[in-house]
Protein backbone atom coordinates (compact mmCIF):
# COMPACT_ATOMS: atom_id res chain seq x y z
CA UNK A 1 -26.14 70.05 -85.66
CA UNK A 2 -28.91 67.39 -85.03
CA UNK A 3 -31.63 67.73 -82.23
CA UNK A 4 -30.17 64.89 -80.40
CA UNK A 5 -26.81 66.49 -80.04
CA UNK A 6 -28.31 69.87 -79.18
CA UNK A 7 -30.43 68.30 -76.30
CA UNK A 8 -27.45 66.47 -74.91
CA UNK A 9 -25.35 69.71 -74.79
CA UNK A 10 -28.25 71.32 -73.06
CA UNK A 11 -28.25 68.57 -70.43
CA UNK A 12 -24.63 69.03 -69.71
CA UNK A 13 -25.15 72.80 -69.36
CA UNK A 14 -27.83 72.25 -66.76
CA UNK A 15 -25.83 69.77 -64.64
CA UNK A 16 -22.85 71.99 -64.62
CA UNK A 17 -25.34 74.99 -63.54
CA UNK A 18 -26.70 72.57 -60.63
CA UNK A 19 -23.10 71.48 -59.55
CA UNK A 20 -21.93 75.11 -59.42
CA UNK A 21 -24.85 76.54 -57.71
CA UNK A 22 -24.68 73.65 -55.13
CA UNK A 23 -20.93 74.10 -54.47
CA UNK A 24 -21.13 76.44 -51.67
CA UNK A 25 -23.70 74.39 -50.11
CA UNK A 26 -21.64 71.16 -50.46
CA UNK A 27 -18.73 72.87 -49.11
CA UNK A 28 -20.42 73.90 -45.86
CA UNK A 29 -22.30 70.63 -45.26
CA UNK A 30 -20.38 67.84 -47.25
CA UNK A 31 -18.42 66.64 -44.21
CA UNK A 32 -21.65 66.28 -42.02
CA UNK A 33 -23.22 64.40 -44.93
CA UNK A 34 -20.26 61.85 -45.14
CA UNK A 35 -20.46 61.28 -41.60
CA UNK A 36 -24.03 60.91 -41.56
CA UNK A 37 -23.80 58.25 -44.24
CA UNK A 38 -21.18 56.45 -42.54
CA UNK A 39 -23.21 56.37 -39.31
CA UNK A 40 -26.36 55.05 -41.40
CA UNK A 41 -24.09 52.13 -42.54
CA UNK A 42 -22.61 51.30 -39.16
CA UNK A 43 -26.17 51.13 -37.51
CA UNK A 44 -27.24 49.03 -40.49
CA UNK A 45 -24.25 46.46 -39.96
CA UNK A 46 -24.83 46.18 -36.28
CA UNK A 47 -28.65 45.52 -36.84
CA UNK A 48 -27.76 42.67 -39.34
CA UNK A 49 -25.12 41.10 -36.97
CA UNK A 50 -27.67 41.18 -34.05
CA UNK A 51 -30.40 39.74 -36.19
CA UNK A 52 -28.23 36.76 -37.32
CA UNK A 53 -26.39 36.16 -34.06
CA UNK A 54 -27.12 32.70 -32.42
CA UNK A 55 -28.71 32.91 -29.05
CA UNK A 56 -26.35 33.08 -26.06
CA UNK A 57 -25.15 29.50 -24.79
CA UNK A 58 -22.66 30.59 -22.04
CA UNK A 59 -25.03 29.50 -19.24
CA UNK A 60 -25.84 26.01 -21.07
CA UNK A 61 -22.36 25.42 -21.83
CA UNK A 62 -21.25 26.03 -18.15
CA UNK A 63 -24.02 23.65 -17.16
CA UNK A 64 -22.91 21.13 -19.53
CA UNK A 65 -19.38 21.04 -18.35
CA UNK A 66 -20.34 20.87 -14.78
CA UNK A 67 -22.99 18.29 -14.83
CA UNK A 68 -22.41 14.95 -13.65
CA UNK A 69 -25.75 13.32 -12.85
CA UNK A 70 -28.99 12.49 -14.79
CA UNK A 71 -30.82 15.33 -13.00
CA UNK A 72 -28.11 17.85 -13.81
CA UNK A 73 -28.16 16.85 -17.49
CA UNK A 74 -31.74 17.07 -17.55
CA UNK A 75 -31.63 20.47 -16.39
CA UNK A 76 -29.35 21.79 -18.97
CA UNK A 77 -31.47 19.96 -21.74
CA UNK A 78 -34.64 21.51 -20.64
CA UNK A 79 -33.40 24.90 -20.65
CA UNK A 80 -32.30 24.67 -24.28
CA UNK A 81 -34.07 21.63 -25.89
CA UNK A 82 -33.33 22.53 -29.39
CA UNK A 83 -29.91 23.85 -29.08
CA UNK A 84 -26.76 21.74 -29.84
CA UNK A 85 -25.74 21.91 -26.24
CA UNK A 86 -29.16 20.82 -25.10
CA UNK A 87 -29.25 17.75 -27.63
CA UNK A 88 -25.93 16.63 -26.06
CA UNK A 89 -27.30 17.08 -22.64
CA UNK A 90 -30.31 15.00 -23.41
CA UNK A 91 -28.30 12.20 -24.96
CA UNK A 92 -26.01 12.15 -21.86
CA UNK A 93 -29.00 11.95 -19.65
CA UNK A 94 -30.26 8.91 -21.58
CA UNK A 95 -26.74 7.23 -21.41
CA UNK A 96 -26.46 7.74 -17.68
CA UNK A 97 -29.96 6.52 -17.07
CA UNK A 98 -29.30 3.34 -19.10
CA UNK A 99 -25.90 2.80 -17.13
CA UNK A 100 -27.92 3.24 -13.95
CA UNK A 101 -30.61 0.71 -14.85
CA UNK A 102 -28.07 -1.78 -15.95
CA UNK A 103 -26.59 -1.65 -12.36
CA UNK A 104 -30.02 -1.93 -10.68
CA UNK A 105 -30.86 -5.17 -12.59
CA UNK A 106 -28.35 -6.92 -10.21
CA UNK A 107 -29.63 -5.17 -6.95
CA UNK A 108 -33.05 -3.71 -7.51
CA UNK A 109 -35.04 -5.33 -10.23
CA UNK A 110 -38.20 -3.27 -9.48
CA UNK A 111 -36.54 0.07 -9.53
CA UNK A 112 -34.39 -1.07 -12.66
CA UNK A 113 -37.70 -1.38 -14.74
CA UNK A 114 -38.60 2.31 -14.05
CA UNK A 115 -35.27 3.63 -14.87
CA UNK A 116 -34.82 1.54 -17.87
CA UNK A 117 -38.28 2.84 -19.15
CA UNK A 118 -37.01 6.43 -18.70
CA UNK A 119 -33.88 5.68 -20.71
CA UNK A 120 -35.88 3.98 -23.43
CA UNK A 121 -38.19 6.99 -23.83
CA UNK A 122 -35.34 9.51 -24.07
CA UNK A 123 -33.37 7.59 -26.53
CA UNK A 124 -36.69 7.14 -28.60
CA UNK A 125 -37.04 10.88 -28.76
CA UNK A 126 -33.70 11.39 -29.78
CA UNK A 127 -33.86 8.88 -32.53
CA UNK A 128 -36.88 10.61 -34.05
CA UNK A 129 -35.01 14.08 -34.32
CA UNK A 130 -33.80 14.89 -37.73
CA UNK A 131 -31.36 17.46 -36.73
CA UNK A 132 -28.73 15.15 -35.03
CA UNK A 133 -25.36 15.18 -36.53
CA UNK A 134 -23.68 11.71 -37.65
CA UNK A 135 -21.74 11.05 -34.10
CA UNK A 136 -24.65 11.66 -31.92
CA UNK A 137 -27.23 9.77 -34.06
CA UNK A 138 -24.70 6.64 -34.01
CA UNK A 139 -24.71 6.97 -30.08
CA UNK A 140 -28.49 7.13 -30.01
CA UNK A 141 -28.87 3.94 -32.11
CA UNK A 142 -26.26 2.06 -29.75
CA UNK A 143 -28.23 3.41 -26.81
CA UNK A 144 -31.61 1.90 -28.41
CA UNK A 145 -29.94 -1.46 -28.99
CA UNK A 146 -28.57 -1.61 -25.48
CA UNK A 147 -32.05 -0.99 -23.83
CA UNK A 148 -33.47 -3.68 -25.99
CA UNK A 149 -30.75 -6.35 -24.97
CA UNK A 150 -31.48 -5.22 -21.21
CA UNK A 151 -35.14 -6.37 -21.91
CA UNK A 152 -34.20 -9.54 -23.24
CA UNK A 153 -35.80 -12.66 -21.53
CA UNK A 154 -34.38 -15.48 -23.89
CA UNK A 155 -37.45 -15.64 -26.36
CA UNK A 156 -37.35 -14.83 -30.05
CA UNK A 157 -39.78 -11.91 -29.32
CA UNK A 158 -37.28 -10.02 -27.22
CA UNK A 159 -33.87 -11.35 -28.84
CA UNK A 160 -34.99 -10.66 -32.32
CA UNK A 161 -35.49 -6.67 -31.94
CA UNK A 162 -32.11 -6.25 -30.07
CA UNK A 163 -30.27 -7.95 -32.98
CA UNK A 164 -32.10 -5.90 -35.44
CA UNK A 165 -31.03 -2.84 -33.55
CA UNK A 166 -27.46 -3.77 -33.53
CA UNK A 167 -27.55 -4.68 -37.12
CA UNK A 168 -29.30 -1.19 -38.12
CA UNK A 169 -26.33 0.43 -36.60
CA UNK A 170 -24.14 -1.66 -38.67
CA UNK A 171 -25.99 -0.92 -41.71
CA UNK A 172 -26.26 2.92 -41.30
CA UNK A 173 -22.52 3.07 -40.23
CA UNK A 174 -20.63 0.15 -41.68
CA UNK A 175 -17.28 1.84 -41.00
CA UNK A 176 -18.00 3.10 -37.42
CA UNK A 177 -14.89 3.20 -34.96
CA UNK A 178 -16.98 3.39 -31.81
CA UNK A 179 -19.43 0.71 -32.16
CA UNK A 180 -18.68 -1.66 -35.13
CA UNK A 181 -16.79 -4.20 -33.10
CA UNK A 182 -19.36 -4.16 -30.14
CA UNK A 183 -22.24 -4.45 -32.59
CA UNK A 184 -20.73 -7.55 -34.40
CA UNK A 185 -19.93 -9.15 -31.24
CA UNK A 186 -23.42 -8.65 -29.69
CA UNK A 187 -25.14 -9.81 -32.81
CA UNK A 188 -23.15 -12.99 -32.61
CA UNK A 189 -23.60 -13.59 -29.01
CA UNK A 190 -27.46 -12.92 -29.01
CA UNK A 191 -27.92 -15.60 -31.64
CA UNK A 192 -26.32 -18.37 -29.66
CA UNK A 193 -28.26 -20.56 -27.59
CA UNK A 194 -26.26 -20.08 -24.34
CA UNK A 195 -27.01 -16.44 -24.49
CA UNK A 196 -30.72 -17.06 -24.78
CA UNK A 197 -30.50 -19.54 -21.98
CA UNK A 198 -28.79 -17.06 -19.75
CA UNK A 199 -31.34 -14.21 -20.53
CA UNK A 200 -34.19 -16.71 -19.80
CA UNK A 201 -32.58 -17.52 -16.17
CA UNK A 202 -31.61 -13.94 -15.58
CA UNK A 203 -35.12 -12.68 -16.16
CA UNK A 204 -36.49 -15.04 -13.59
CA UNK A 205 -34.25 -13.35 -10.88
CA UNK A 206 -35.92 -10.82 -8.72
CA UNK A 207 -33.03 -9.20 -6.53
CA UNK A 208 -34.34 -6.43 -3.93
CA UNK A 209 -32.47 -3.59 -2.21
CA UNK A 210 -33.14 -5.25 1.19
CA UNK A 211 -31.32 -8.50 0.24
CA UNK A 212 -28.24 -9.51 1.94
CA UNK A 213 -25.59 -9.71 -0.71
CA UNK A 214 -23.37 -11.77 1.60
CA UNK A 215 -20.59 -9.15 1.80
CA UNK A 216 -17.78 -9.44 4.32
CA UNK A 217 -18.83 -7.70 7.45
CA UNK A 218 -16.31 -5.70 9.52
CA UNK A 219 -15.93 -5.66 13.27
CA UNK A 220 -14.21 -7.47 16.22
CA UNK A 221 -14.35 -11.14 16.25
CA UNK A 222 -15.32 -11.43 12.52
CA UNK A 223 -11.84 -12.05 10.96
CA UNK A 224 -8.95 -13.90 13.04
CA UNK A 225 -5.98 -11.84 13.56
CA UNK A 226 -2.93 -12.82 11.38
CA UNK A 227 -0.30 -14.31 13.56
CA UNK A 228 3.17 -12.50 13.68
CA UNK A 229 6.09 -14.34 12.06
CA UNK A 230 9.57 -13.32 13.01
CA UNK A 231 11.72 -14.17 9.85
CA UNK A 232 15.51 -14.20 10.60
CA UNK A 233 17.97 -12.20 8.62
CA UNK A 234 19.85 -14.49 6.44
CA UNK A 235 21.96 -11.80 4.74
CA UNK A 236 24.49 -11.90 7.67
CA UNK A 237 25.57 -15.54 8.35
CA UNK A 238 27.59 -14.59 11.17
CA UNK A 239 24.71 -12.93 13.31
CA UNK A 240 22.95 -15.48 15.30
CA UNK A 241 19.26 -16.15 14.72
CA UNK A 242 16.84 -14.11 16.58
CA UNK A 243 15.39 -16.31 19.45
CA UNK A 244 18.18 -18.93 19.12
CA UNK A 245 19.34 -20.31 22.37
CA UNK A 246 23.09 -20.72 23.03
CA UNK A 247 23.67 -24.30 24.76
CA UNK A 248 26.19 -23.88 27.76
CA UNK A 249 27.63 -27.24 28.79
CA UNK A 250 26.40 -28.02 32.15
CA UNK A 251 28.78 -28.24 35.11
CA UNK A 252 29.79 -31.62 36.41
CA UNK A 253 28.07 -32.86 39.27
CA UNK A 254 29.93 -32.72 42.70
CA UNK A 255 32.05 -35.62 43.40
CA UNK A 256 32.19 -36.47 39.70
CA UNK A 257 35.85 -37.33 38.63
CA UNK A 258 37.10 -34.81 35.93
CA UNK A 259 37.64 -36.52 32.67
CA UNK A 260 41.45 -37.23 31.78
CA UNK A 261 43.11 -35.09 29.28
CA UNK A 262 43.83 -37.01 26.21
CA UNK A 263 47.50 -36.97 25.36
CA UNK A 264 48.45 -34.80 22.63
CA UNK A 265 49.46 -36.54 19.47
CA UNK A 266 53.15 -37.17 19.17
CA UNK A 267 55.02 -34.55 16.90
CA UNK A 268 56.50 -35.99 13.95
CA UNK A 269 60.22 -36.71 14.15
CA UNK A 270 62.24 -34.47 11.75
CA UNK A 271 63.83 -36.23 8.81
CA UNK A 272 67.58 -37.27 9.53
CA UNK A 273 70.13 -35.07 8.23
CA UNK A 274 71.51 -35.72 4.76
CA UNK A 275 74.48 -38.16 5.12
CA UNK A 276 73.30 -39.86 8.27
CA UNK A 277 73.32 -43.71 7.91
CA UNK A 278 69.97 -45.36 8.16
CA UNK A 279 69.52 -47.77 11.17
CA UNK A 280 69.84 -51.53 10.19
CA UNK A 281 66.85 -53.64 10.03
CA UNK A 282 65.98 -55.06 13.52
CA UNK A 283 67.84 -52.32 15.55
CA UNK A 284 65.27 -51.19 18.01
CA UNK A 285 64.19 -47.58 17.94
CA UNK A 286 65.40 -45.33 20.97
CA UNK A 287 62.93 -45.14 23.78
CA UNK A 288 61.31 -41.79 23.86
CA UNK A 289 61.57 -40.11 27.14
CA UNK A 290 58.56 -38.27 28.63
CA UNK A 291 58.51 -34.67 28.69
CA UNK A 292 59.29 -32.77 32.10
CA UNK A 293 56.09 -31.76 34.03
CA UNK A 294 54.67 -28.54 33.08
CA UNK A 295 55.87 -25.80 35.42
CA UNK A 296 59.47 -27.66 36.48
CA UNK A 297 62.29 -25.17 36.12
CA UNK A 298 65.08 -26.24 33.93
CA UNK A 299 68.40 -26.71 35.73
CA UNK A 300 70.84 -23.77 35.52
CA UNK A 301 73.65 -24.11 33.19
CA UNK A 302 71.78 -26.77 31.17
CA UNK A 303 71.67 -25.77 27.52
CA UNK A 304 68.22 -25.91 25.92
CA UNK A 305 67.60 -29.04 23.85
CA UNK A 306 67.83 -28.51 20.06
CA UNK A 307 64.53 -28.16 18.34
CA UNK A 308 63.39 -31.67 17.44
CA UNK A 309 65.55 -33.37 20.19
CA UNK A 310 63.38 -35.53 22.41
CA UNK A 311 63.16 -34.68 25.94
CA UNK A 312 65.06 -36.83 28.60
CA UNK A 313 63.10 -39.70 30.28
CA UNK A 314 61.68 -38.33 33.67
CA UNK A 315 62.81 -40.41 36.75
CA UNK A 316 60.08 -41.64 38.85
CA UNK A 317 59.60 -39.82 42.30
CA UNK A 318 60.76 -41.85 45.36
CA UNK A 319 58.31 -43.54 47.39
CA UNK A 320 57.01 -42.11 50.46
CA UNK A 321 59.05 -43.09 53.26
CA UNK A 322 62.07 -44.02 51.34
CA UNK A 323 65.41 -42.56 52.64
CA UNK A 324 66.87 -39.77 50.90
CA UNK A 325 70.01 -40.73 48.72
CA UNK A 326 73.41 -40.17 50.39
CA UNK A 327 75.28 -37.37 49.00
CA UNK A 328 78.74 -38.17 47.60
CA UNK A 329 81.67 -37.07 49.61
CA UNK A 330 80.14 -37.56 53.05
């Protein structure tokens, strides 16, 4: 047996001896040791998690969601200047300042200059940051270009920087979905002579907050009342028009003779019965007898005339004072 083999066997015997001697101790304290090791590992894991956990942003997130003015966004940005939420709040602060300055250019030129300077300073600080993501940087470049365009006065010294700012945006983001069309349109417009002439004229204006903008004034006597027009209802033709007067024929003046009633047109004679000979030419037509006066009773026993038979001729009344005719048989 070699010396190496002998030594190895001795080591195995020593290890078995140690395990055999420590067995009672392990049986007594083994469970405690396992729990202790597990507790140490758990504490280590908690420590690593706490060390690597990002700072709490619940308050900043709530402030960003509730903010609506330049001052409120500035407060959120100042509370966490280097956090992603703070950067977004700072960008919103700059954008709202720029929008406010653009509106003041038409109402208060002196105040707009100060507001525009604040927006330009904020956009400039954001443009120098290296930790902006792609979307935020694109918005920052658009804001810088808008600030420069608001300061244009028609000269090449102010128009050229605005054009270069829009072209820089197109160069860094050629496939931009937010500002590509706007940037191309502004570059084309700024290069035109009409645009330069407009900016030259616009910068000479100096509107103030106290100026009367010629807005319509409310109050009595300023605007005449609208006349009320009654429109008739044409959907019901039988109904009389509202306000229309019904003409009533005036009564005849006293002593004026009443107009004579026109005689009714003569009824058409019935056609002769079939087989009746036609009258010869030149034979006078039978004389039509006038109809009895309305209300005269017919004599008893007199048959009613057939339909279409002409009424008998009425005899004229005797003249006043004439003797009555003698009765036959007296």
